Amino acid sequence: MPENIPIHRLKDMPVFGGLREDIVKLILEGSRYVIKQAGESFFVEGERGDSAFVVETGKAVLYKQGESGTHYQIRTFSPGECFGAMALLGVYPRSGNVCAVEECRVVEIKADQLFSVYQADPEQYTLIFMNMARDLSRRLRDTDDQLVLQMERDTEASS
């Protein structure tokens, strides 16, 4: 288990919401800290993923490459937020690049560790995935709002 991770602090993070302390400890047993400096990548678009990351300190940004080759900033991840969860929810490659924009310390949670939770308590396992799905749903709604706003701007500009 990563040293000095305060369990009570993690339990306040949305991905761990409602989980019992023993389950959070079980997740952390197979977890590790990953520290990246500004500009360093956590992962790149297209690679296989088998883990999610929870930001403890710093900030990371998700970039997506357009057809022109330009990288667009999609969202920022701050302390308490999770990224990379789509790799745990589906068997798709990473959907974008996530880089630190300042020194960033995250807890990496491997799929294997979540399977340990399933073996120990299927209800708590389900709760973790529900938490991740809620977070992804919130982000999808935010993205929909941003898309509509951009479409309205484009319509106004062409009028």
C-alpha atoms as a PDB file:
ATOM      1  CA  MET A   1       0.000   0.000   0.000  1.00  0.00           C
ATOM      2  CA  PRO A   2       1.373   3.444  -0.821  1.00  0.00           C
ATOM      3  CA  GLU A   3       2.860   5.124   2.205  1.00  0.00           C
ATOM      4  CA  ASN A   4       1.054   7.958   3.933  1.00  0.00           C
ATOM      5  CA  ILE A   5      -2.230   7.740   2.046  1.00  0.00           C
ATOM      6  CA  PRO A   6      -4.828   8.980   4.505  1.00  0.00           C
ATOM      7  CA  ILE A   7      -7.762   6.579   4.224  1.00  0.00           C
ATOM      8  CA  HIS A   8     -10.252   9.186   5.477  1.00  0.00           C
ATOM      9  CA  ARG A   9      -9.154  11.583   2.734  1.00  0.00           C
ATOM     10  CA  LEU A  10      -9.676   8.984   0.016  1.00  0.00           C
ATOM     11  CA  LYS A  11     -13.101   8.106   1.371  1.00  0.00           C
ATOM     12  CA  ASP A  12     -14.098  11.729   0.688  1.00  0.00           C
ATOM     13  CA  MET A  13     -13.222  11.343  -3.004  1.00  0.00           C
ATOM     14  CA  PRO A  14     -16.188  10.545  -5.287  1.00  0.00           C
ATOM     15  CA  VAL A  15     -14.740   7.285  -6.644  1.00  0.00           C
ATOM     16  CA  PHE A  16     -14.485   5.909  -3.085  1.00  0.00           C
ATOM     17  CA  GLY A  17     -17.802   7.376  -1.896  1.00  0.00           C
ATOM     18  CA  GLY A  18     -19.796   5.024   0.307  1.00  0.00           C
ATOM     19  CA  LEU A  19     -17.085   2.375   0.491  1.00  0.00           C
ATOM     20  CA  ARG A  20     -16.192   0.807   3.794  1.00  0.00           C
ATOM     21  CA  GLU A  21     -12.746   1.559   5.178  1.00  0.00           C
ATOM     22  CA  ASP A  22     -11.641  -2.088   4.909  1.00  0.00           C
ATOM     23  CA  ILE A  23     -12.488  -2.062   1.197  1.00  0.00           C
ATOM     24  CA  VAL A  24     -10.568   1.180   0.598  1.00  0.00           C
ATOM     25  CA  LYS A  25      -7.587  -0.419   2.375  1.00  0.00           C
ATOM     26  CA  LEU A  26      -7.936  -3.523   0.187  1.00  0.00           C
ATOM     27  CA  ILE A  27      -7.884  -1.368  -2.955  1.00  0.00           C
ATOM     28  CA  LEU A  28      -4.831   0.490  -1.733  1.00  0.00           C
ATOM     29  CA  GLU A  29      -2.910  -2.720  -0.963  1.00  0.00           C
ATOM     30  CA  GLY A  30      -2.242  -3.219  -4.670  1.00  0.00           C
ATOM     31  CA  SER A  31      -2.033   0.451  -5.542  1.00  0.00           C
ATOM     32  CA  ARG A  32       0.946   2.714  -5.940  1.00  0.00           C
ATOM     33  CA  TYR A  33       1.734   6.386  -6.161  1.00  0.00           C
ATOM     34  CA  VAL A  34       2.659   7.755  -9.562  1.00  0.00           C
ATOM     35  CA  ILE A  35       4.318  11.166  -9.620  1.00  0.00           C
ATOM     36  CA  LYS A  36       4.678  13.092 -12.866  1.00  0.00           C
ATOM     37  CA  GLN A  37       6.243  16.467 -13.521  1.00  0.00           C
ATOM     38  CA  ALA A  38       4.591  19.100 -15.721  1.00  0.00           C
ATOM     39  CA  GLY A  39       4.519  17.853 -19.312  1.00  0.00           C
ATOM     40  CA  GLU A  40       4.947  14.164 -18.495  1.00  0.00           C
ATOM     41  CA  SER A  41       2.292  11.698 -19.693  1.00  0.00           C
ATOM     42  CA  PHE A  42       0.350   9.222 -17.604  1.00  0.00           C
ATOM     43  CA  PHE A  43      -0.779   7.451 -20.775  1.00  0.00           C
ATOM     44  CA  VAL A  44      -1.293   8.094 -24.480  1.00  0.00           C
ATOM     45  CA  GLU A  45      -4.232   7.674 -26.778  1.00  0.00           C
ATOM     46  CA  GLY A  46      -4.595   4.202 -28.241  1.00  0.00           C
ATOM     47  CA  GLU A  47      -2.569   2.249 -25.697  1.00  0.00           C
ATOM     48  CA  ARG A  48      -4.110  -0.560 -23.695  1.00  0.00           C
ATOM     49  CA  GLY A  49      -5.184   0.439 -20.216  1.00  0.00           C
ATOM     50  CA  ASP A  50      -5.606  -1.659 -17.101  1.00  0.00           C
ATOM     51  CA  SER A  51      -5.766   1.004 -14.423  1.00  0.00           C
ATOM     52  CA  ALA A  52      -7.419   4.203 -13.288  1.00  0.00           C
ATOM     53  CA  PHE A  53      -5.811   7.105 -11.470  1.00  0.00           C
ATOM     54  CA  VAL A  54      -7.084   9.262  -8.615  1.00  0.00           C
ATOM     55  CA  VAL A  55      -5.457  12.686  -8.309  1.00  0.00           C
ATOM     56  CA  GLU A  56      -4.149  13.388  -4.839  1.00  0.00           C
ATOM     57  CA  THR A  57      -2.162  16.567  -5.572  1.00  0.00           C
ATOM     58  CA  GLY A  58      -1.562  18.680  -8.660  1.00  0.00           C
ATOM     59  CA  LYS A  59      -3.454  18.757 -11.937  1.00  0.00           C
ATOM     60  CA  ALA A  60      -3.578  16.671 -15.081  1.00  0.00           C
ATOM     61  CA  VAL A  61      -5.189  17.393 -18.441  1.00  0.00           C
ATOM     62  CA  LEU A  62      -6.867  15.156 -21.017  1.00  0.00           C
ATOM     63  CA  TYR A  63      -5.927  15.958 -24.615  1.00  0.00           C
ATOM     64  CA  LYS A  64      -7.483  14.471 -27.729  1.00  0.00           C
ATOM     65  CA  GLN A  65      -5.867  14.601 -31.138  1.00  0.00           C
ATOM     66  CA  GLY A  66      -7.997  15.858 -34.011  1.00  0.00           C
ATOM     67  CA  GLU A  67      -7.801  14.741 -37.638  1.00  0.00           C
ATOM     68  CA  SER A  68      -5.510  17.702 -38.374  1.00  0.00           C
ATOM     69  CA  GLY A  69      -3.002  16.428 -35.820  1.00  0.00           C
ATOM     70  CA  THR A  70      -3.788  19.270 -33.405  1.00  0.00           C
ATOM     71  CA  HIS A  71      -4.151  18.287 -29.748  1.00  0.00           C
ATOM     72  CA  TYR A  72      -7.216  19.751 -28.043  1.00  0.00           C
ATOM     73  CA  GLN A  73      -7.574  20.109 -24.299  1.00  0.00           C
ATOM     74  CA  ILE A  74     -10.758  18.321 -23.254  1.00  0.00           C
ATOM     75  CA  ARG A  75     -10.743  18.550 -19.463  1.00  0.00           C
ATOM     76  CA  THR A  76      -8.652  19.120 -16.366  1.00  0.00           C
ATOM     77  CA  PHE A  77      -8.419  16.721 -13.430  1.00  0.00           C
ATOM     78  CA  SER A  78      -7.920  18.214  -9.972  1.00  0.00           C
ATOM     79  CA  PRO A  79      -7.380  16.591  -6.564  1.00  0.00           C
ATOM     80  CA  GLY A  80     -10.091  14.042  -5.797  1.00  0.00           C
ATOM     81  CA  GLU A  81     -10.920  13.380  -9.446  1.00  0.00           C
ATOM     82  CA  CYS A  82     -10.402  10.107 -11.278  1.00  0.00           C
ATOM     83  CA  PHE A  83      -9.159   9.551 -14.822  1.00  0.00           C
ATOM     84  CA  GLY A  84      -8.568   6.426 -16.867  1.00  0.00           C
ATOM     85  CA  ALA A  85     -11.642   4.670 -15.505  1.00  0.00           C
ATOM     86  CA  MET A  86     -12.956   3.943 -18.997  1.00  0.00           C
ATOM     87  CA  ALA A  87     -10.182   1.338 -19.289  1.00  0.00           C
ATOM     88  CA  LEU A  88     -11.689  -0.469 -16.295  1.00  0.00           C
ATOM     89  CA  LEU A  89     -15.282  -0.199 -17.486  1.00  0.00           C
ATOM     90  CA  GLY A  90     -14.667  -1.427 -21.025  1.00  0.00           C
ATOM     91  CA  VAL A  91     -12.011  -3.145 -23.062  1.00  0.00           C
ATOM     92  CA  TYR A  92     -11.233  -0.187 -25.274  1.00  0.00           C
ATOM     93  CA  PRO A  93      -7.870   1.484 -25.775  1.00  0.00           C
ATOM     94  CA  ARG A  94      -7.154   4.770 -24.001  1.00  0.00           C
ATOM     95  CA  SER A  95      -9.334   7.479 -25.530  1.00  0.00           C
ATOM     96  CA  GLY A  96      -6.840  10.327 -25.158  1.00  0.00           C
ATOM     97  CA  ASN A  97      -3.566  11.529 -23.701  1.00  0.00           C
ATOM     98  CA  VAL A  98      -3.401  12.529 -20.052  1.00  0.00           C
ATOM     99  CA  CYS A  99      -0.459  14.698 -18.990  1.00  0.00           C
ATOM    100  CA  ALA A 100       0.487  16.479 -15.802  1.00  0.00           C
ATOM    101  CA  VAL A 101       0.265  20.271 -16.114  1.00  0.00           C
ATOM    102  CA  GLU A 102       2.062  20.733 -12.805  1.00  0.00           C
ATOM    103  CA  GLU A 103       3.695  18.246 -10.474  1.00  0.00           C
ATOM    104  CA  CYS A 104       0.953  15.691 -10.011  1.00  0.00           C
ATOM    105  CA  ARG A 105       0.731  12.806  -7.556  1.00  0.00           C
ATOM    106  CA  VAL A 106      -1.907  10.184  -8.223  1.00  0.00           C
ATOM    107  CA  VAL A 107      -2.883   6.819  -6.826  1.00  0.00           C
ATOM    108  CA  GLU A 108      -2.908   4.186  -9.580  1.00  0.00           C
ATOM    109  CA  ILE A 109      -5.599   1.540  -9.116  1.00  0.00           C
ATOM    110  CA  LYS A 110      -5.092  -1.601 -11.165  1.00  0.00           C
ATOM    111  CA  ALA A 111      -7.931  -3.742 -12.484  1.00  0.00           C
ATOM    112  CA  ASP A 112      -6.478  -6.739 -10.608  1.00  0.00           C
ATOM    113  CA  GLN A 113      -6.968  -4.918  -7.323  1.00  0.00           C
ATOM    114  CA  LEU A 114     -10.592  -4.222  -8.130  1.00  0.00           C
ATOM    115  CA  PHE A 115     -11.049  -7.933  -8.819  1.00  0.00           C
ATOM    116  CA  SER A 116      -9.823  -8.547  -5.274  1.00  0.00           C
ATOM    117  CA  VAL A 117     -12.662  -6.335  -4.081  1.00  0.00           C
ATOM    118  CA  TYR A 118     -15.101  -8.390  -6.154  1.00  0.00           C
ATOM    119  CA  GLN A 119     -13.880 -11.561  -4.468  1.00  0.00           C
ATOM    120  CA  ALA A 120     -14.128  -9.992  -1.006  1.00  0.00           C
ATOM    121  CA  ASP A 121     -17.455  -8.163  -1.367  1.00  0.00           C
ATOM    122  CA  PRO A 122     -19.401  -8.029  -4.657  1.00  0.00           C
ATOM    123  CA  GLU A 123     -21.680  -5.255  -3.313  1.00  0.00           C
ATOM    124  CA  GLN A 124     -18.740  -2.962  -2.607  1.00  0.00           C
ATOM    125  CA  TYR A 125     -17.292  -3.839  -6.030  1.00  0.00           C
ATOM    126  CA  THR A 126     -20.552  -2.789  -7.650  1.00  0.00           C
ATOM    127  CA  LEU A 127     -20.518   0.465  -5.691  1.00  0.00           C
ATOM    128  CA  ILE A 128     -17.049   1.346  -7.015  1.00  0.00           C
ATOM    129  CA  PHE A 129     -18.211   0.882 -10.586  1.00  0.00           C
ATOM    130  CA  MET A 130     -21.399   2.820  -9.913  1.00  0.00           C
ATOM    131  CA  ASN A 131     -19.262   5.686  -8.571  1.00  0.00           C
ATOM    132  CA  MET A 132     -17.096   5.612 -11.697  1.00  0.00           C
ATOM    133  CA  ALA A 133     -20.142   5.425 -13.952  1.00  0.00           C
ATOM    134  CA  ARG A 134     -21.749   8.410 -12.179  1.00  0.00           C
ATOM    135  CA  ASP A 135     -18.582  10.422 -12.667  1.00  0.00           C
ATOM    136  CA  LEU A 136     -18.396   9.489 -16.356  1.00  0.00           C
ATOM    137  CA  SER A 137     -22.078  10.344 -16.760  1.00  0.00           C
ATOM    138  CA  ARG A 138     -21.472  13.783 -15.243  1.00  0.00           C
ATOM    139  CA  ARG A 139     -18.571  14.340 -17.620  1.00  0.00           C
ATOM    140  CA  LEU A 140     -20.649  13.240 -20.600  1.00  0.00           C
ATOM    141  CA  ARG A 141     -23.331  15.770 -19.654  1.00  0.00           C
ATOM    142  CA  ASP A 142     -20.665  18.485 -19.367  1.00  0.00           C
ATOM    143  CA  THR A 143     -19.296  17.498 -22.771  1.00  0.00           C
ATOM    144  CA  ASP A 144     -22.793  17.585 -24.287  1.00  0.00           C
ATOM    145  CA  ASP A 145     -23.272  21.104 -22.911  1.00  0.00           C
ATOM    146  CA  GLN A 146     -19.917  22.204 -24.341  1.00  0.00           C
ATOM    147  CA  LEU A 147     -20.746  20.661 -27.718  1.00  0.00           C
ATOM    148  CA  VAL A 148     -24.103  22.444 -27.937  1.00  0.00           C
ATOM    149  CA  LEU A 149     -22.501  25.733 -26.931  1.00  0.00           C
ATOM    150  CA  GLN A 150     -19.867  25.341 -29.667  1.00  0.00           C
ATOM    151  CA  MET A 151     -22.538  24.396 -32.238  1.00  0.00           C
ATOM    152  CA  GLU A 152     -24.490  27.547 -31.321  1.00  0.00           C
ATOM    153  CA  ARG A 153     -21.330  29.657 -31.711  1.00  0.00           C
ATOM    154  CA  ASP A 154     -20.639  28.076 -35.098  1.00  0.00           C
ATOM    155  CA  THR A 155     -24.230  28.745 -36.200  1.00  0.00           C
ATOM    156  CA  GLU A 156     -24.028  32.381 -35.084  1.00  0.00           C
ATOM    157  CA  ALA A 157     -20.680  32.841 -36.829  1.00  0.00           C
ATOM    158  CA  SER A 158     -22.019  31.484 -40.125  1.00  0.00           C
ATOM    159  CA  SER A 159     -25.133  33.708 -40.009  1.00  0.00           C
END
